[in-house]
Amino acid sequence: PIAGFFLMRDFPSIRARAIALCPENYQAEVDRVSLQVVEVFSDYLRGLARICTLYALTSFAMFWLLGLN
């Protein structure tokens, strides 16, 4: 989680540097692909957060119903 946070925080500057390293005629394509990668990665993280939340709520409900501490 910590590495993911710093990667997301610094991704715009990393992305800009990576695009600048590419030849000029490929920069638009690299920009488009990198935006798609960001979209897929953010969707993955949102889904992972939902699954973790549902798992926690289900565990809490089951423990409460069974009377476990």
PDB file of N, CA and C in Angstrom:
ATOM      1  N   PRO A   1       0.810  -1.216   0.000  1.00  0.00           N
ATOM      2  CA  PRO A   1       0.000   0.000   0.000  1.00  0.00           C
ATOM      3  C   PRO A   1       0.849   1.274   0.000  1.00  0.00           C
ATOM      4  N   ILE A   2       1.962   1.238   0.721  1.00  0.00           N
ATOM      5  CA  ILE A   2       2.793   2.441   0.799  1.00  0.00           C
ATOM      6  C   ILE A   2       3.436   2.720  -0.557  1.00  0.00           C
ATOM      7  N   ALA A   3       3.967   1.668  -1.186  1.00  0.00           N
ATOM      8  CA  ALA A   3       4.579   1.852  -2.505  1.00  0.00           C
ATOM      9  C   ALA A   3       3.532   2.299  -3.517  1.00  0.00           C
ATOM     10  N   GLY A   4       2.323   1.746  -3.427  1.00  0.00           N
ATOM     11  CA  GLY A   4       1.238   2.154  -4.323  1.00  0.00           C
ATOM     12  C   GLY A   4       0.875   3.610  -4.154  1.00  0.00           C
ATOM     13  N   PHE A   5       0.852   4.065  -2.906  1.00  0.00           N
ATOM     14  CA  PHE A   5       0.537   5.472  -2.642  1.00  0.00           C
ATOM     15  C   PHE A   5       1.570   6.388  -3.293  1.00  0.00           C
ATOM     16  N   PHE A   6       2.855   6.089  -3.088  1.00  0.00           N
ATOM     17  CA  PHE A   6       3.891   6.951  -3.654  1.00  0.00           C
ATOM     18  C   PHE A   6       3.929   6.862  -5.175  1.00  0.00           C
ATOM     19  N   LEU A   7       3.635   5.680  -5.714  1.00  0.00           N
ATOM     20  CA  LEU A   7       3.577   5.549  -7.167  1.00  0.00           C
ATOM     21  C   LEU A   7       2.453   6.404  -7.733  1.00  0.00           C
ATOM     22  N   MET A   8       1.285   6.366  -7.102  1.00  0.00           N
ATOM     23  CA  MET A   8       0.161   7.179  -7.592  1.00  0.00           C
ATOM     24  C   MET A   8       0.439   8.668  -7.419  1.00  0.00           C
ATOM     25  N   ARG A   9       1.115   9.016  -6.325  1.00  0.00           N
ATOM     26  CA  ARG A   9       1.414  10.421  -6.081  1.00  0.00           C
ATOM     27  C   ARG A   9       2.406  10.974  -7.098  1.00  0.00           C
ATOM     28  N   ASP A  10       3.408  10.170  -7.455  1.00  0.00           N
ATOM     29  CA  ASP A  10       4.462  10.623  -8.348  1.00  0.00           C
ATOM     30  C   ASP A  10       4.243  10.229  -9.802  1.00  0.00           C
ATOM     31  N   PHE A  11       3.150   9.542 -10.106  1.00  0.00           N
ATOM     32  CA  PHE A  11       2.956   9.038 -11.457  1.00  0.00           C
ATOM     33  C   PHE A  11       2.935  10.123 -12.527  1.00  0.00           C
ATOM     34  N   PRO A  12       2.310  11.283 -12.310  1.00  0.00           N
ATOM     35  CA  PRO A  12       2.336  12.290 -13.383  1.00  0.00           C
ATOM     36  C   PRO A  12       3.747  12.707 -13.796  1.00  0.00           C
ATOM     37  N   SER A  13       4.638  12.876 -12.840  1.00  0.00           N
ATOM     38  CA  SER A  13       6.006  13.258 -13.207  1.00  0.00           C
ATOM     39  C   SER A  13       6.756  12.093 -13.849  1.00  0.00           C
ATOM     40  N   ILE A  14       6.540  10.873 -13.373  1.00  0.00           N
ATOM     41  CA  ILE A  14       7.163   9.699 -13.974  1.00  0.00           C
ATOM     42  C   ILE A  14       6.667   9.535 -15.410  1.00  0.00           C
ATOM     43  N   ARG A  15       5.364   9.701 -15.598  1.00  0.00           N
ATOM     44  CA  ARG A  15       4.761   9.571 -16.927  1.00  0.00           C
ATOM     45  C   ARG A  15       5.320  10.611 -17.886  1.00  0.00           C
ATOM     46  N   ALA A  16       5.440  11.855 -17.416  1.00  0.00           N
ATOM     47  CA  ALA A  16       5.967  12.930 -18.262  1.00  0.00           C
ATOM     48  C   ALA A  16       7.417  12.649 -18.673  1.00  0.00           C
ATOM     49  N   ARG A  17       8.204  12.140 -17.743  1.00  0.00           N
ATOM     50  CA  ARG A  17       9.598  11.814 -18.065  1.00  0.00           C
ATOM     51  C   ARG A  17       9.687  10.659 -19.055  1.00  0.00           C
ATOM     52  N   ALA A  18       8.828   9.654 -18.872  1.00  0.00           N
ATOM     53  CA  ALA A  18       8.841   8.510 -19.787  1.00  0.00           C
ATOM     54  C   ALA A  18       8.431   8.939 -21.190  1.00  0.00           C
ATOM     55  N   ILE A  19       7.453   9.811 -21.284  1.00  0.00           N
ATOM     56  CA  ILE A  19       7.015  10.309 -22.591  1.00  0.00           C
ATOM     57  C   ILE A  19       8.125  11.132 -23.238  1.00  0.00           C
ATOM     58  N   ALA A  20       8.829  11.922 -22.449  1.00  0.00           N
ATOM     59  CA  ALA A  20       9.916  12.746 -22.991  1.00  0.00           C
ATOM     60  C   ALA A  20      11.082  11.901 -23.502  1.00  0.00           C
ATOM     61  N   LEU A  21      11.262  10.699 -22.971  1.00  0.00           N
ATOM     62  CA  LEU A  21      12.345   9.825 -23.425  1.00  0.00           C
ATOM     63  C   LEU A  21      12.055   9.183 -24.778  1.00  0.00           C
ATOM     64  N   CYS A  22      10.784   9.139 -25.156  1.00  0.00           N
ATOM     65  CA  CYS A  22      10.398   8.504 -26.422  1.00  0.00           C
ATOM     66  C   CYS A  22      10.629   9.465 -27.591  1.00  0.00           C
ATOM     67  N   PRO A  23      10.829   8.903 -28.774  1.00  0.00           N
ATOM     68  CA  PRO A  23      10.950   9.773 -29.951  1.00  0.00           C
ATOM     69  C   PRO A  23       9.685  10.612 -30.136  1.00  0.00           C
ATOM     70  N   GLU A  24       9.853  11.780 -30.676  1.00  0.00           N
ATOM     71  CA  GLU A  24       8.754  12.738 -30.773  1.00  0.00           C
ATOM     72  C   GLU A  24       7.545  12.203 -31.542  1.00  0.00           C
ATOM     73  N   ASN A  25       7.778  11.408 -32.571  1.00  0.00           N
ATOM     74  CA  ASN A  25       6.647  10.915 -33.357  1.00  0.00           C
ATOM     75  C   ASN A  25       5.865   9.812 -32.636  1.00  0.00           C
ATOM     76  N   TYR A  26       6.391   9.258 -31.530  1.00  0.00           N
ATOM     77  CA  TYR A  26       5.679   8.255 -30.738  1.00  0.00           C
ATOM     78  C   TYR A  26       5.079   8.825 -29.452  1.00  0.00           C
ATOM     79  N   GLN A  27       5.342  10.060 -29.129  1.00  0.00           N
ATOM     80  CA  GLN A  27       4.928  10.609 -27.843  1.00  0.00           C
ATOM     81  C   GLN A  27       3.413  10.641 -27.662  1.00  0.00           C
ATOM     82  N   ALA A  28       2.685  10.942 -28.703  1.00  0.00           N
ATOM     83  CA  ALA A  28       1.221  10.974 -28.589  1.00  0.00           C
ATOM     84  C   ALA A  28       0.676   9.580 -28.288  1.00  0.00           C
ATOM     85  N   GLU A  29       1.224   8.578 -28.927  1.00  0.00           N
ATOM     86  CA  GLU A  29       0.784   7.196 -28.702  1.00  0.00           C
ATOM     87  C   GLU A  29       1.143   6.728 -27.295  1.00  0.00           C
ATOM     88  N   VAL A  30       2.351   7.058 -26.858  1.00  0.00           N
ATOM     89  CA  VAL A  30       2.771   6.697 -25.500  1.00  0.00           C
ATOM     90  C   VAL A  30       1.886   7.397 -24.474  1.00  0.00           C
ATOM     91  N   ASP A  31       1.526   8.635 -24.722  1.00  0.00           N
ATOM     92  CA  ASP A  31       0.632   9.378 -23.834  1.00  0.00           C
ATOM     93  C   ASP A  31      -0.726   8.693 -23.738  1.00  0.00           C
ATOM     94  N   ARG A  32      -1.271   8.277 -24.866  1.00  0.00           N
ATOM     95  CA  ARG A  32      -2.575   7.619 -24.893  1.00  0.00           C
ATOM     96  C   ARG A  32      -2.536   6.291 -24.143  1.00  0.00           C
ATOM     97  N   VAL A  33      -1.499   5.503 -24.391  1.00  0.00           N
ATOM     98  CA  VAL A  33      -1.381   4.200 -23.739  1.00  0.00           C
ATOM     99  C   VAL A  33      -1.176   4.362 -22.231  1.00  0.00           C
ATOM    100  N   SER A  34      -0.378   5.335 -21.829  1.00  0.00           N
ATOM    101  CA  SER A  34      -0.143   5.528 -20.394  1.00  0.00           C
ATOM    102  C   SER A  34      -1.421   5.965 -19.682  1.00  0.00           C
ATOM    103  N   LEU A  35      -2.256   6.744 -20.338  1.00  0.00           N
ATOM    104  CA  LEU A  35      -3.538   7.116 -19.735  1.00  0.00           C
ATOM    105  C   LEU A  35      -4.447   5.897 -19.582  1.00  0.00           C
ATOM    106  N   GLN A  36      -4.401   4.987 -20.540  1.00  0.00           N
ATOM    107  CA  GLN A  36      -5.187   3.762 -20.420  1.00  0.00           C
ATOM    108  C   GLN A  36      -4.677   2.885 -19.284  1.00  0.00           C
ATOM    109  N   VAL A  37      -3.368   2.844 -19.103  1.00  0.00           N
ATOM    110  CA  VAL A  37      -2.785   2.077 -17.997  1.00  0.00           C
ATOM    111  C   VAL A  37      -3.244   2.661 -16.662  1.00  0.00           C
ATOM    112  N   VAL A  38      -3.244   3.968 -16.538  1.00  0.00           N
ATOM    113  CA  VAL A  38      -3.694   4.619 -15.308  1.00  0.00           C
ATOM    114  C   VAL A  38      -5.162   4.284 -15.041  1.00  0.00           C
ATOM    115  N   GLU A  39      -5.970   4.305 -16.075  1.00  0.00           N
ATOM    116  CA  GLU A  39      -7.392   4.000 -15.915  1.00  0.00           C
ATOM    117  C   GLU A  39      -7.606   2.570 -15.423  1.00  0.00           C
ATOM    118  N   VAL A  40      -6.913   1.614 -16.018  1.00  0.00           N
ATOM    119  CA  VAL A  40      -7.051   0.217 -15.610  1.00  0.00           C
ATOM    120  C   VAL A  40      -6.543   0.022 -14.179  1.00  0.00           C
ATOM    121  N   PHE A  41      -5.413   0.616 -13.846  1.00  0.00           N
ATOM    122  CA  PHE A  41      -4.850   0.473 -12.506  1.00  0.00           C
ATOM    123  C   PHE A  41      -5.763   1.087 -11.451  1.00  0.00           C
ATOM    124  N   SER A  42      -6.346   2.253 -11.738  1.00  0.00           N
ATOM    125  CA  SER A  42      -7.251   2.867 -10.762  1.00  0.00           C
ATOM    126  C   SER A  42      -8.530   2.057 -10.613  1.00  0.00           C
ATOM    127  N   ASP A  43      -9.027   1.471 -11.694  1.00  0.00           N
ATOM    128  CA  ASP A  43     -10.193   0.583 -11.587  1.00  0.00           C
ATOM    129  C   ASP A  43      -9.872  -0.640 -10.733  1.00  0.00           C
ATOM    130  N   TYR A  44      -8.678  -1.187 -10.905  1.00  0.00           N
ATOM    131  CA  TYR A  44      -8.246  -2.325 -10.099  1.00  0.00           C
ATOM    132  C   TYR A  44      -8.206  -1.962  -8.618  1.00  0.00           C
ATOM    133  N   LEU A  45      -7.630  -0.817  -8.289  1.00  0.00           N
ATOM    134  CA  LEU A  45      -7.534  -0.412  -6.887  1.00  0.00           C
ATOM    135  C   LEU A  45      -8.908  -0.149  -6.282  1.00  0.00           C
ATOM    136  N   ARG A  46      -9.813   0.455  -7.056  1.00  0.00           N
ATOM    137  CA  ARG A  46     -11.175   0.663  -6.562  1.00  0.00           C
ATOM    138  C   ARG A  46     -11.871  -0.661  -6.293  1.00  0.00           C
ATOM    139  N   GLY A  47     -11.722  -1.605  -7.192  1.00  0.00           N
ATOM    140  CA  GLY A  47     -12.322  -2.925  -6.994  1.00  0.00           C
ATOM    141  C   GLY A  47     -11.733  -3.638  -5.794  1.00  0.00           C
ATOM    142  N   LEU A  48     -10.427  -3.547  -5.626  1.00  0.00           N
ATOM    143  CA  LEU A  48      -9.765  -4.158  -4.480  1.00  0.00           C
ATOM    144  C   LEU A  48     -10.264  -3.548  -3.170  1.00  0.00           C
ATOM    145  N   ALA A  49     -10.451  -2.246  -3.143  1.00  0.00           N
ATOM    146  CA  ALA A  49     -10.969  -1.587  -1.943  1.00  0.00           C
ATOM    147  C   ALA A  49     -12.391  -2.051  -1.639  1.00  0.00           C
ATOM    148  N   ARG A  50     -13.208  -2.211  -2.672  1.00  0.00           N
ATOM    149  CA  ARG A  50     -14.582  -2.709  -2.463  1.00  0.00           C
ATOM    150  C   ARG A  50     -14.581  -4.128  -1.904  1.00  0.00           C
ATOM    151  N   ILE A  51     -13.738  -4.984  -2.464  1.00  0.00           N
ATOM    152  CA  ILE A  51     -13.670  -6.361  -1.989  1.00  0.00           C
ATOM    153  C   ILE A  51     -13.211  -6.410  -0.535  1.00  0.00           C
ATOM    154  N   CYS A  52     -12.213  -5.636  -0.182  1.00  0.00           N
ATOM    155  CA  CYS A  52     -11.723  -5.608   1.202  1.00  0.00           C
ATOM    156  C   CYS A  52     -12.803  -5.106   2.158  1.00  0.00           C
ATOM    157  N   THR A  53     -13.548  -4.096   1.735  1.00  0.00           N
ATOM    158  CA  THR A  53     -14.616  -3.559   2.567  1.00  0.00           C
ATOM    159  C   THR A  53     -15.725  -4.592   2.768  1.00  0.00           C
ATOM    160  N   LEU A  54     -16.126  -5.242   1.692  1.00  0.00           N
ATOM    161  CA  LEU A  54     -17.160  -6.277   1.802  1.00  0.00           C
ATOM    162  C   LEU A  54     -16.695  -7.440   2.670  1.00  0.00           C
ATOM    163  N   TYR A  55     -15.442  -7.824   2.531  1.00  0.00           N
ATOM    164  CA  TYR A  55     -14.888  -8.894   3.349  1.00  0.00           C
ATOM    165  C   TYR A  55     -14.905  -8.506   4.830  1.00  0.00           C
ATOM    166  N   ALA A  56     -14.521  -7.288   5.145  1.00  0.00           N
ATOM    167  CA  ALA A  56     -14.513  -6.823   6.533  1.00  0.00           C
ATOM    168  C   ALA A  56     -15.925  -6.783   7.100  1.00  0.00           C
ATOM    169  N   LEU A  57     -16.882  -6.273   6.333  1.00  0.00           N
ATOM    170  CA  LEU A  57     -18.261  -6.212   6.810  1.00  0.00           C
ATOM    171  C   LEU A  57     -18.856  -7.607   7.017  1.00  0.00           C
ATOM    172  N   THR A  58     -18.574  -8.512   6.099  1.00  0.00           N
ATOM    173  CA  THR A  58     -19.061  -9.880   6.230  1.00  0.00           C
ATOM    174  C   THR A  58     -18.442 -10.562   7.440  1.00  0.00           C
ATOM    175  N   SER A  59     -17.160 -10.382   7.639  1.00  0.00           N
ATOM    176  CA  SER A  59     -16.488 -10.975   8.802  1.00  0.00           C
ATOM    177  C   SER A  59     -17.056 -10.418  10.095  1.00  0.00           C
ATOM    178  N   PHE A  60     -17.269  -9.106  10.142  1.00  0.00           N
ATOM    179  CA  PHE A  60     -17.843  -8.482  11.335  1.00  0.00           C
ATOM    180  C   PHE A  60     -19.223  -9.052  11.624  1.00  0.00           C
ATOM    181  N   ALA A  61     -20.063  -9.162  10.596  1.00  0.00           N
ATOM    182  CA  ALA A  61     -21.421  -9.690  10.790  1.00  0.00           C
ATOM    183  C   ALA A  61     -21.391 -11.144  11.261  1.00  0.00           C
ATOM    184  N   MET A  62     -20.533 -11.958  10.687  1.00  0.00           N
ATOM    185  CA  MET A  62     -20.450 -13.351  11.079  1.00  0.00           C
ATOM    186  C   MET A  62     -19.936 -13.492  12.513  1.00  0.00           C
ATOM    187  N   PHE A  63     -18.923 -12.725  12.873  1.00  0.00           N
ATOM    188  CA  PHE A  63     -18.419 -12.781  14.246  1.00  0.00           C
ATOM    189  C   PHE A  63     -19.476 -12.315  15.235  1.00  0.00           C
ATOM    190  N   TRP A  64     -20.202 -11.279  14.868  1.00  0.00           N
ATOM    191  CA  TRP A  64     -21.239 -10.750  15.762  1.00  0.00           C
ATOM    192  C   TRP A  64     -22.372 -11.765  15.920  1.00  0.00           C
ATOM    193  N   LEU A  65     -22.797 -12.393  14.840  1.00  0.00           N
ATOM    194  CA  LEU A  65     -23.874 -13.390  14.910  1.00  0.00           C
ATOM    195  C   LEU A  65     -23.453 -14.622  15.692  1.00  0.00           C
ATOM    196  N   LEU A  66     -22.206 -15.008  15.606  1.00  0.00           N
ATOM    197  CA  LEU A  66     -21.711 -16.185  16.327  1.00  0.00           C
ATOM    198  C   LEU A  66     -21.312 -15.857  17.755  1.00  0.00           C
ATOM    199  N   GLY A  67     -21.303 -14.587  18.109  1.00  0.00           N
ATOM    200  CA  GLY A  67     -20.958 -14.162  19.469  1.00  0.00           C
ATOM    201  C   GLY A  67     -19.473 -14.224  19.773  1.00  0.00           C
ATOM    202  N   LEU A  68     -18.641 -14.144  18.752  1.00  0.00           N
ATOM    203  CA  LEU A  68     -17.199 -14.171  18.961  1.00  0.00           C
ATOM    204  C   LEU A  68     -16.660 -12.762  19.212  1.00  0.00           C
ATOM    205  N   ASN A  69     -15.598 -12.685  20.005  1.00  0.00           N
ATOM    206  CA  ASN A  69     -14.968 -11.392  20.267  1.00  0.00           C
ATOM    207  C   ASN A  69     -13.963 -11.098  19.185  1.00  0.00           C
TER     208      ASN A  69
END
